[in-house]
């Protein structure tokens, strides 16, 4: 933000209104104490001692509650310290307290500057417009208003572009996720088909394979067959022998 502020100040040459109350509006100062503190604050301000000048202006405020000049300068000292939120509050209060149109316009102008530095662009635009209503000839307010409006437009365009980019990214991500899911499903289907084919081949191989028996089982099977054949031969011999002993009885 500091870099942006620096560029902004160089481009726009923001002229921050400082009411040197003791010089510009002496008729409003009712007490020597008030004058003393404001003069002291002005000297400190001109030397760049903004923190010290703030203290002096606040003392002037305490010494003269009626005058709005010290409060205005408090806001200016805060602004120079880059305390833009606090400065804006001081200028807003000062604008509400002032009845004089030009001084009220000056407070609103400085309020616009403070809000713009705090990156509250829309609020700064409103402040500049209100300042110009009271003092249409304020060239700096017109210039800063145009700058703030252009800045707001660029911010809105940037936000819109960011939203579009995010939407496109979301669409791309959803598309990628969908493609990934489809690929995973295809891979799963392919694996399932391969597994089915493998199982089918295994079953076919098992059906085509002849059962194998051990050597001992084979010998036992052969012996069993040989014994069965031997028994059959014995039975045939016995049958023949029995037949040869049969006598046929003839009646003569």
C-alpha atoms as a PDB file:
ATOM      1  CA  UNK A   1       0.000   0.000   0.000  1.00  0.00           C
ATOM      2  CA  UNK A   2       2.896   2.372   0.748  1.00  0.00           C
ATOM      3  CA  UNK A   3       4.151   2.100  -2.798  1.00  0.00           C
ATOM      4  CA  UNK A   4       0.702   2.821  -4.186  1.00  0.00           C
ATOM      5  CA  UNK A   5       0.368   5.842  -1.934  1.00  0.00           C
ATOM      6  CA  UNK A   6       3.672   7.201  -3.123  1.00  0.00           C
ATOM      7  CA  UNK A   7       2.704   6.846  -6.781  1.00  0.00           C
ATOM      8  CA  UNK A   8      -0.722   8.280  -6.130  1.00  0.00           C
ATOM      9  CA  UNK A   9       0.729  11.368  -4.440  1.00  0.00           C
ATOM     10  CA  UNK A  10       3.118  11.908  -7.310  1.00  0.00           C
ATOM     11  CA  UNK A  11       0.475  11.481  -9.984  1.00  0.00           C
ATOM     12  CA  UNK A  12      -2.247  13.534  -8.403  1.00  0.00           C
ATOM     13  CA  UNK A  13      -0.172  15.986  -6.403  1.00  0.00           C
ATOM     14  CA  UNK A  14      -2.636  15.792  -3.567  1.00  0.00           C
ATOM     15  CA  UNK A  15      -2.844  19.122  -1.867  1.00  0.00           C
ATOM     16  CA  UNK A  16      -3.796  18.529   1.725  1.00  0.00           C
ATOM     17  CA  UNK A  17      -5.507  21.550   3.182  1.00  0.00           C
ATOM     18  CA  UNK A  18      -3.937  22.738   6.412  1.00  0.00           C
ATOM     19  CA  UNK A  19      -5.728  25.488   8.210  1.00  0.00           C
ATOM     20  CA  UNK A  20      -3.125  27.511  10.001  1.00  0.00           C
ATOM     21  CA  UNK A  21      -5.785  28.708  12.332  1.00  0.00           C
ATOM     22  CA  UNK A  22      -3.756  31.276  14.124  1.00  0.00           C
ATOM     23  CA  UNK A  23      -2.985  33.028  10.830  1.00  0.00           C
ATOM     24  CA  UNK A  24      -6.139  32.463   8.739  1.00  0.00           C
ATOM     25  CA  UNK A  25      -8.836  32.747  11.354  1.00  0.00           C
ATOM     26  CA  UNK A  26      -7.499  34.816  14.265  1.00  0.00           C
ATOM     27  CA  UNK A  27     -10.934  36.140  15.065  1.00  0.00           C
ATOM     28  CA  UNK A  28     -12.055  32.683  16.156  1.00  0.00           C
ATOM     29  CA  UNK A  29      -9.396  32.250  18.802  1.00  0.00           C
ATOM     30  CA  UNK A  30     -10.570  33.466  22.144  1.00  0.00           C
ATOM     31  CA  UNK A  31      -7.659  32.587  24.366  1.00  0.00           C
ATOM     32  CA  UNK A  32      -3.932  33.256  24.268  1.00  0.00           C
ATOM     33  CA  UNK A  33      -3.344  29.633  25.271  1.00  0.00           C
ATOM     34  CA  UNK A  34      -5.235  28.419  22.241  1.00  0.00           C
ATOM     35  CA  UNK A  35      -3.178  30.670  19.973  1.00  0.00           C
ATOM     36  CA  UNK A  36       0.040  29.565  21.584  1.00  0.00           C
ATOM     37  CA  UNK A  37      -0.552  25.864  21.038  1.00  0.00           C
ATOM     38  CA  UNK A  38      -1.725  26.288  17.464  1.00  0.00           C
ATOM     39  CA  UNK A  39       1.298  28.441  16.583  1.00  0.00           C
ATOM     40  CA  UNK A  40       3.557  25.878  18.209  1.00  0.00           C
ATOM     41  CA  UNK A  41       1.820  23.064  16.301  1.00  0.00           C
ATOM     42  CA  UNK A  42       2.160  24.945  13.012  1.00  0.00           C
ATOM     43  CA  UNK A  43       5.912  25.381  13.478  1.00  0.00           C
ATOM     44  CA  UNK A  44       6.320  21.701  14.335  1.00  0.00           C
ATOM     45  CA  UNK A  45       4.190  20.729  11.361  1.00  0.00           C
ATOM     46  CA  UNK A  46       6.279  22.838   8.963  1.00  0.00           C
ATOM     47  CA  UNK A  47       9.436  21.121  10.265  1.00  0.00           C
ATOM     48  CA  UNK A  48       7.914  17.690   9.612  1.00  0.00           C
ATOM     49  CA  UNK A  49       7.429  16.944  13.311  1.00  0.00           C
ATOM     50  CA  UNK A  50       3.897  15.684  12.803  1.00  0.00           C
ATOM     51  CA  UNK A  51       3.618  13.701  16.012  1.00  0.00           C
ATOM     52  CA  UNK A  52       4.634  16.737  18.074  1.00  0.00           C
ATOM     53  CA  UNK A  53       2.308  18.995  16.099  1.00  0.00           C
ATOM     54  CA  UNK A  54      -0.583  16.606  16.793  1.00  0.00           C
ATOM     55  CA  UNK A  55       0.046  16.937  20.518  1.00  0.00           C
ATOM     56  CA  UNK A  56       0.113  20.725  20.298  1.00  0.00           C
ATOM     57  CA  UNK A  57      -3.113  20.844  18.284  1.00  0.00           C
ATOM     58  CA  UNK A  58      -4.844  18.577  20.775  1.00  0.00           C
ATOM     59  CA  UNK A  59      -3.793  20.905  23.576  1.00  0.00           C
ATOM     60  CA  UNK A  60      -5.301  23.769  21.578  1.00  0.00           C
ATOM     61  CA  UNK A  61      -8.512  21.731  21.299  1.00  0.00           C
ATOM     62  CA  UNK A  62      -8.633  21.326  25.058  1.00  0.00           C
ATOM     63  CA  UNK A  63      -8.033  25.030  25.563  1.00  0.00           C
ATOM     64  CA  UNK A  64     -10.821  26.102  23.213  1.00  0.00           C
ATOM     65  CA  UNK A  65     -13.681  23.616  22.826  1.00  0.00           C
ATOM     66  CA  UNK A  66     -15.627  25.954  20.549  1.00  0.00           C
ATOM     67  CA  UNK A  67     -13.057  26.360  17.789  1.00  0.00           C
ATOM     68  CA  UNK A  68     -12.932  23.703  15.073  1.00  0.00           C
ATOM     69  CA  UNK A  69      -9.579  24.830  13.673  1.00  0.00           C
ATOM     70  CA  UNK A  70      -7.425  22.829  16.062  1.00  0.00           C
ATOM     71  CA  UNK A  71      -9.443  19.698  15.375  1.00  0.00           C
ATOM     72  CA  UNK A  72      -8.978  20.177  11.643  1.00  0.00           C
ATOM     73  CA  UNK A  73      -5.228  20.424  12.107  1.00  0.00           C
ATOM     74  CA  UNK A  74      -5.204  17.345  14.346  1.00  0.00           C
ATOM     75  CA  UNK A  75      -6.630  15.428  11.392  1.00  0.00           C
ATOM     76  CA  UNK A  76      -3.962  16.835   9.119  1.00  0.00           C
ATOM     77  CA  UNK A  77      -1.165  15.850  11.523  1.00  0.00           C
ATOM     78  CA  UNK A  78      -2.589  12.322  11.740  1.00  0.00           C
ATOM     79  CA  UNK A  79      -2.755  12.147   7.943  1.00  0.00           C
ATOM     80  CA  UNK A  80       0.922  13.057   7.670  1.00  0.00           C
ATOM     81  CA  UNK A  81       1.688  10.218  10.104  1.00  0.00           C
ATOM     82  CA  UNK A  82      -0.181   7.856   7.743  1.00  0.00           C
ATOM     83  CA  UNK A  83      -2.850   7.261  10.376  1.00  0.00           C
ATOM     84  CA  UNK A  84      -5.529   7.527   7.731  1.00  0.00           C
ATOM     85  CA  UNK A  85      -8.379   5.895   9.651  1.00  0.00           C
ATOM     86  CA  UNK A  86      -7.916   8.257  12.614  1.00  0.00           C
ATOM     87  CA  UNK A  87      -7.433  11.244  10.329  1.00  0.00           C
ATOM     88  CA  UNK A  88     -10.653  10.433   8.479  1.00  0.00           C
ATOM     89  CA  UNK A  89     -12.570  10.341  11.740  1.00  0.00           C
ATOM     90  CA  UNK A  90     -11.213  13.759  12.726  1.00  0.00           C
ATOM     91  CA  UNK A  91     -12.172  15.272   9.355  1.00  0.00           C
ATOM     92  CA  UNK A  92     -15.636  13.696   9.453  1.00  0.00           C
ATOM     93  CA  UNK A  93     -16.255  15.124  12.930  1.00  0.00           C
ATOM     94  CA  UNK A  94     -14.901  18.479  11.849  1.00  0.00           C
ATOM     95  CA  UNK A  95     -17.173  18.575   8.808  1.00  0.00           C
ATOM     96  CA  UNK A  96     -20.197  17.860  11.002  1.00  0.00           C
ATOM     97  CA  UNK A  97     -19.242  20.640  13.418  1.00  0.00           C
ATOM     98  CA  UNK A  98     -18.518  23.303  10.783  1.00  0.00           C
ATOM     99  CA  UNK A  99     -21.249  25.605   9.525  1.00  0.00           C
ATOM    100  CA  UNK A 100     -19.058  27.526   7.114  1.00  0.00           C
ATOM    101  CA  UNK A 101     -19.416  26.012   3.632  1.00  0.00           C
ATOM    102  CA  UNK A 102     -15.816  26.485   2.502  1.00  0.00           C
ATOM    103  CA  UNK A 103     -14.336  25.076   5.692  1.00  0.00           C
ATOM    104  CA  UNK A 104     -16.833  22.227   5.686  1.00  0.00           C
ATOM    105  CA  UNK A 105     -15.885  21.537   2.061  1.00  0.00           C
ATOM    106  CA  UNK A 106     -12.214  21.512   3.026  1.00  0.00           C
ATOM    107  CA  UNK A 107     -12.909  18.959   5.781  1.00  0.00           C
ATOM    108  CA  UNK A 108     -14.799  16.733   3.354  1.00  0.00           C
ATOM    109  CA  UNK A 109     -12.000  17.036   0.802  1.00  0.00           C
ATOM    110  CA  UNK A 110      -9.429  15.931   3.371  1.00  0.00           C
ATOM    111  CA  UNK A 111     -11.813  13.174   4.444  1.00  0.00           C
ATOM    112  CA  UNK A 112     -11.854  11.973   0.830  1.00  0.00           C
ATOM    113  CA  UNK A 113      -8.051  11.935   0.752  1.00  0.00           C
ATOM    114  CA  UNK A 114      -7.889   9.952   3.996  1.00  0.00           C
ATOM    115  CA  UNK A 115     -10.442   7.411   2.794  1.00  0.00           C
ATOM    116  CA  UNK A 116      -8.676   7.012  -0.533  1.00  0.00           C
ATOM    117  CA  UNK A 117      -5.372   6.360   1.207  1.00  0.00           C
ATOM    118  CA  UNK A 118      -7.139   3.787   3.398  1.00  0.00           C
ATOM    119  CA  UNK A 119      -8.310   2.083   0.170  1.00  0.00           C
ATOM    120  CA  UNK A 120     -11.951   2.933   0.841  1.00  0.00           C
ATOM    121  CA  UNK A 121     -12.464   4.117  -2.692  1.00  0.00           C
ATOM    122  CA  UNK A 122     -16.242   4.298  -2.846  1.00  0.00           C
ATOM    123  CA  UNK A 123     -16.383   6.226   0.437  1.00  0.00           C
ATOM    124  CA  UNK A 124     -13.741   8.643  -0.826  1.00  0.00           C
ATOM    125  CA  UNK A 125     -15.826   9.282  -3.961  1.00  0.00           C
ATOM    126  CA  UNK A 126     -18.819  10.171  -1.789  1.00  0.00           C
ATOM    127  CA  UNK A 127     -16.671  12.552   0.286  1.00  0.00           C
ATOM    128  CA  UNK A 128     -15.286  14.325  -2.798  1.00  0.00           C
ATOM    129  CA  UNK A 129     -18.784  14.719  -4.238  1.00  0.00           C
ATOM    130  CA  UNK A 130     -20.050  16.234  -0.978  1.00  0.00           C
ATOM    131  CA  UNK A 131     -17.057  18.573  -0.900  1.00  0.00           C
ATOM    132  CA  UNK A 132     -17.757  19.748  -4.452  1.00  0.00           C
ATOM    133  CA  UNK A 133     -21.401  20.404  -3.646  1.00  0.00           C
ATOM    134  CA  UNK A 134     -20.247  23.010  -1.145  1.00  0.00           C
ATOM    135  CA  UNK A 135     -17.347  24.289  -3.229  1.00  0.00           C
ATOM    136  CA  UNK A 136     -17.702  23.433  -6.955  1.00  0.00           C
ATOM    137  CA  UNK A 137     -14.561  25.400  -7.823  1.00  0.00           C
ATOM    138  CA  UNK A 138     -12.246  23.058  -5.859  1.00  0.00           C
ATOM    139  CA  UNK A 139     -10.064  21.808  -8.720  1.00  0.00           C
ATOM    140  CA  UNK A 140      -8.151  19.330  -6.559  1.00  0.00           C
ATOM    141  CA  UNK A 141     -11.410  17.726  -5.397  1.00  0.00           C
ATOM    142  CA  UNK A 142     -12.564  17.383  -9.024  1.00  0.00           C
ATOM    143  CA  UNK A 143      -9.260  15.832 -10.041  1.00  0.00           C
ATOM    144  CA  UNK A 144      -9.159  13.424  -7.129  1.00  0.00           C
ATOM    145  CA  UNK A 145     -12.799  12.480  -7.711  1.00  0.00           C
ATOM    146  CA  UNK A 146     -11.993  11.507 -11.300  1.00  0.00           C
ATOM    147  CA  UNK A 147      -8.986   9.520 -10.143  1.00  0.00           C
ATOM    148  CA  UNK A 148     -10.990   7.700  -7.474  1.00  0.00           C
ATOM    149  CA  UNK A 149     -13.772   6.865  -9.946  1.00  0.00           C
ATOM    150  CA  UNK A 150     -11.250   5.484 -12.416  1.00  0.00           C
ATOM    151  CA  UNK A 151      -9.563   3.493  -9.665  1.00  0.00           C
ATOM    152  CA  UNK A 152     -12.893   2.052  -8.546  1.00  0.00           C
ATOM    153  CA  UNK A 153     -13.730   1.050 -12.105  1.00  0.00           C
ATOM    154  CA  UNK A 154     -10.397  -0.728 -12.485  1.00  0.00           C
ATOM    155  CA  UNK A 155     -10.870  -2.508  -9.149  1.00  0.00           C
ATOM    156  CA  UNK A 156     -14.334  -3.666 -10.182  1.00  0.00           C
ATOM    157  CA  UNK A 157     -13.010  -4.905 -13.528  1.00  0.00           C
ATOM    158  CA  UNK A 158     -10.204  -6.711 -11.757  1.00  0.00           C
ATOM    159  CA  UNK A 159     -12.635  -8.308  -9.333  1.00  0.00           C
ATOM    160  CA  UNK A 160     -14.857  -9.376 -12.223  1.00  0.00           C
ATOM    161  CA  UNK A 161     -11.853 -10.837 -14.032  1.00  0.00           C
ATOM    162  CA  UNK A 162     -10.805 -12.706 -10.904  1.00  0.00           C
ATOM    163  CA  UNK A 163     -14.324 -14.097 -10.540  1.00  0.00           C
ATOM    164  CA  UNK A 164     -14.328 -15.200 -14.167  1.00  0.00           C
ATOM    165  CA  UNK A 165     -10.919 -16.804 -13.741  1.00  0.00           C
ATOM    166  CA  UNK A 166     -12.126 -18.636 -10.665  1.00  0.00           C
ATOM    167  CA  UNK A 167     -15.246 -19.841 -12.454  1.00  0.00           C
ATOM    168  CA  UNK A 168     -13.138 -21.051 -15.368  1.00  0.00           C
ATOM    169  CA  UNK A 169     -10.758 -22.780 -12.993  1.00  0.00           C
ATOM    170  CA  UNK A 170     -13.679 -24.459 -11.252  1.00  0.00           C
ATOM    171  CA  UNK A 171     -15.069 -25.588 -14.612  1.00  0.00           C
ATOM    172  CA  UNK A 172     -11.680 -26.948 -15.666  1.00  0.00           C
ATOM    173  CA  UNK A 173     -11.291 -28.741 -12.353  1.00  0.00           C
ATOM    174  CA  UNK A 174     -14.760 -30.261 -12.630  1.00  0.00           C
ATOM    175  CA  UNK A 175     -13.992 -31.358 -16.180  1.00  0.00           C
ATOM    176  CA  UNK A 176     -10.693 -32.871 -15.089  1.00  0.00           C
ATOM    177  CA  UNK A 177     -12.365 -34.654 -12.192  1.00  0.00           C
ATOM    178  CA  UNK A 178     -15.057 -35.994 -14.539  1.00  0.00           C
ATOM    179  CA  UNK A 179     -12.462 -37.184 -17.046  1.00  0.00           C
ATOM    180  CA  UNK A 180     -10.483 -38.759 -14.240  1.00  0.00           C
ATOM    181  CA  UNK A 181     -13.567 -40.573 -12.948  1.00  0.00           C
ATOM    182  CA  UNK A 182     -14.383 -41.797 -16.439  1.00  0.00           C
ATOM    183  CA  UNK A 183     -10.812 -42.999 -16.935  1.00  0.00           C
ATOM    184  CA  UNK A 184     -10.857 -44.767 -13.577  1.00  0.00           C
ATOM    185  CA  UNK A 185     -14.139 -46.433 -14.526  1.00  0.00           C
ATOM    186  CA  UNK A 186     -12.730 -47.543 -17.876  1.00  0.00           C
ATOM    187  CA  UNK A 187      -9.622 -48.903 -16.187  1.00  0.00           C
ATOM    188  CA  UNK A 188     -11.770 -50.729 -13.670  1.00  0.00           C
ATOM    189  CA  UNK A 189     -13.939 -52.203 -16.421  1.00  0.00           C
ATOM    190  CA  UNK A 190     -10.832 -53.243 -18.317  1.00  0.00           C
ATOM    191  CA  UNK A 191      -9.368 -54.895 -15.239  1.00  0.00           C
ATOM    192  CA  UNK A 192     -12.643 -56.704 -14.638  1.00  0.00           C
ATOM    193  CA  UNK A 193     -12.723 -57.959 -18.237  1.00  0.00           C
ATOM    194  CA  UNK A 194      -9.118 -59.094 -18.001  1.00  0.00           C
ATOM    195  CA  UNK A 195      -9.862 -60.908 -14.758  1.00  0.00           C
ATOM    196  CA  UNK A 196     -12.863 -62.631 -16.346  1.00  0.00           C
ATOM    197  CA  UNK A 197     -10.788 -63.715 -19.336  1.00  0.00           C
ATOM    198  CA  UNK A 198      -8.065 -65.020 -17.055  1.00  0.00           C
ATOM    199  CA  UNK A 199     -10.559 -66.985 -14.972  1.00  0.00           C
ATOM    200  CA  UNK A 200     -12.115 -68.431 -18.133  1.00  0.00           C
ATOM    201  CA  UNK A 201      -8.737 -69.508 -19.466  1.00  0.00           C
ATOM    202  CA  UNK A 202      -7.865 -71.138 -16.173  1.00  0.00           C
ATOM    203  CA  UNK A 203     -11.127 -73.086 -16.210  1.00  0.00           C
ATOM    204  CA  UNK A 204     -10.513 -74.256 -19.774  1.00  0.00           C
ATOM    205  CA  UNK A 205      -6.978 -75.311 -18.909  1.00  0.00           C
ATOM    206  CA  UNK A 206      -8.237 -77.256 -15.915  1.00  0.00           C
ATOM    207  CA  UNK A 207     -10.851 -79.021 -18.070  1.00  0.00           C
ATOM    208  CA  UNK A 208      -8.308 -79.887 -20.782  1.00  0.00           C
ATOM    209  CA  UNK A 209      -5.716 -81.233 -18.392  1.00  0.00           C
ATOM    210  CA  UNK A 210      -5.803 -85.084 -17.843  1.00  0.00           C
ATOM    211  CA  UNK A 211      -5.644 -86.210 -14.259  1.00  0.00           C
ATOM    212  CA  UNK A 212      -2.212 -87.415 -13.328  1.00  0.00           C
ATOM    213  CA  UNK A 213      -1.641 -90.364 -10.940  1.00  0.00           C
ATOM    214  CA  UNK A 214       1.419 -91.333  -9.062  1.00  0.00           C
ATOM    215  CA  UNK A 215       3.636 -94.331  -9.982  1.00  0.00           C
ATOM    216  CA  UNK A 216       2.423 -96.293  -6.981  1.00  0.00           C
ATOM    217  CA  UNK A 217      -1.240 -95.692  -7.892  1.00  0.00           C
ATOM    218  CA  UNK A 218      -0.504 -96.751 -11.462  1.00  0.00           C
ATOM    219  CA  UNK A 219       1.159 -99.999 -10.287  1.00  0.00           C
ATOM    220  CA  UNK A 220      -1.740-100.742  -7.982  1.00  0.00           C
ATOM    221  CA  UNK A 221      -4.174-100.138 -10.820  1.00  0.00           C
ATOM    222  CA  UNK A 222      -2.251-102.468 -13.159  1.00  0.00           C
ATOM    223  CA  UNK A 223      -2.014-105.152 -10.481  1.00  0.00           C
ATOM    224  CA  UNK A 224      -5.725-104.839  -9.870  1.00  0.00           C
ATOM    225  CA  UNK A 225      -6.434-105.265 -13.577  1.00  0.00           C
ATOM    226  CA  UNK A 226      -4.048-108.233 -13.785  1.00  0.00           C
ATOM    227  CA  UNK A 227      -5.686-109.876 -10.823  1.00  0.00           C
ATOM    228  CA  UNK A 228      -9.104-109.300 -12.314  1.00  0.00           C
ATOM    229  CA  UNK A 229      -7.933-110.904 -15.575  1.00  0.00           C
ATOM    230  CA  UNK A 230      -6.428-113.853 -13.706  1.00  0.00           C
ATOM    231  CA  UNK A 231      -9.621-114.386 -11.805  1.00  0.00           C
ATOM    232  CA  UNK A 232     -11.569-114.311 -15.046  1.00  0.00           C
ATOM    233  CA  UNK A 233      -9.264-116.932 -16.586  1.00  0.00           C
ATOM    234  CA  UNK A 234      -9.594-119.172 -13.536  1.00  0.00           C
ATOM    235  CA  UNK A 235     -13.354-118.937 -13.732  1.00  0.00           C
ATOM    236  CA  UNK A 236     -13.253-119.892 -17.441  1.00  0.00           C
ATOM    237  CA  UNK A 237     -11.082-122.931 -16.738  1.00  0.00           C
ATOM    238  CA  UNK A 238     -13.374-124.097 -13.975  1.00  0.00           C
ATOM    239  CA  UNK A 239     -16.355-123.707 -16.222  1.00  0.00           C
ATOM    240  CA  UNK A 240     -14.707-125.829 -18.939  1.00  0.00           C
ATOM    241  CA  UNK A 241     -13.696-128.484 -16.488  1.00  0.00           C
ATOM    242  CA  UNK A 242     -17.182-128.733 -15.110  1.00  0.00           C
ATOM    243  CA  UNK A 243     -18.627-129.088 -18.600  1.00  0.00           C
ATOM    244  CA  UNK A 244     -16.274-131.952 -19.529  1.00  0.00           C
ATOM    245  CA  UNK A 245     -17.480-134.044 -16.563  1.00  0.00           C
ATOM    246  CA  UNK A 246     -21.146-133.932 -17.540  1.00  0.00           C
ATOM    247  CA  UNK A 247     -22.500-137.294 -18.945  1.00  0.00           C
ATOM    248  CA  UNK A 248     -25.340-137.452 -21.259  1.00  0.00           C
ATOM    249  CA  UNK A 249     -27.875-140.223 -20.425  1.00  0.00           C
ATOM    250  CA  UNK A 250     -29.298-141.900 -23.486  1.00  0.00           C
ATOM    251  CA  UNK A 251     -32.237-144.247 -23.533  1.00  0.00           C
ATOM    252  CA  UNK A 252     -31.618-147.120 -25.843  1.00  0.00           C
END
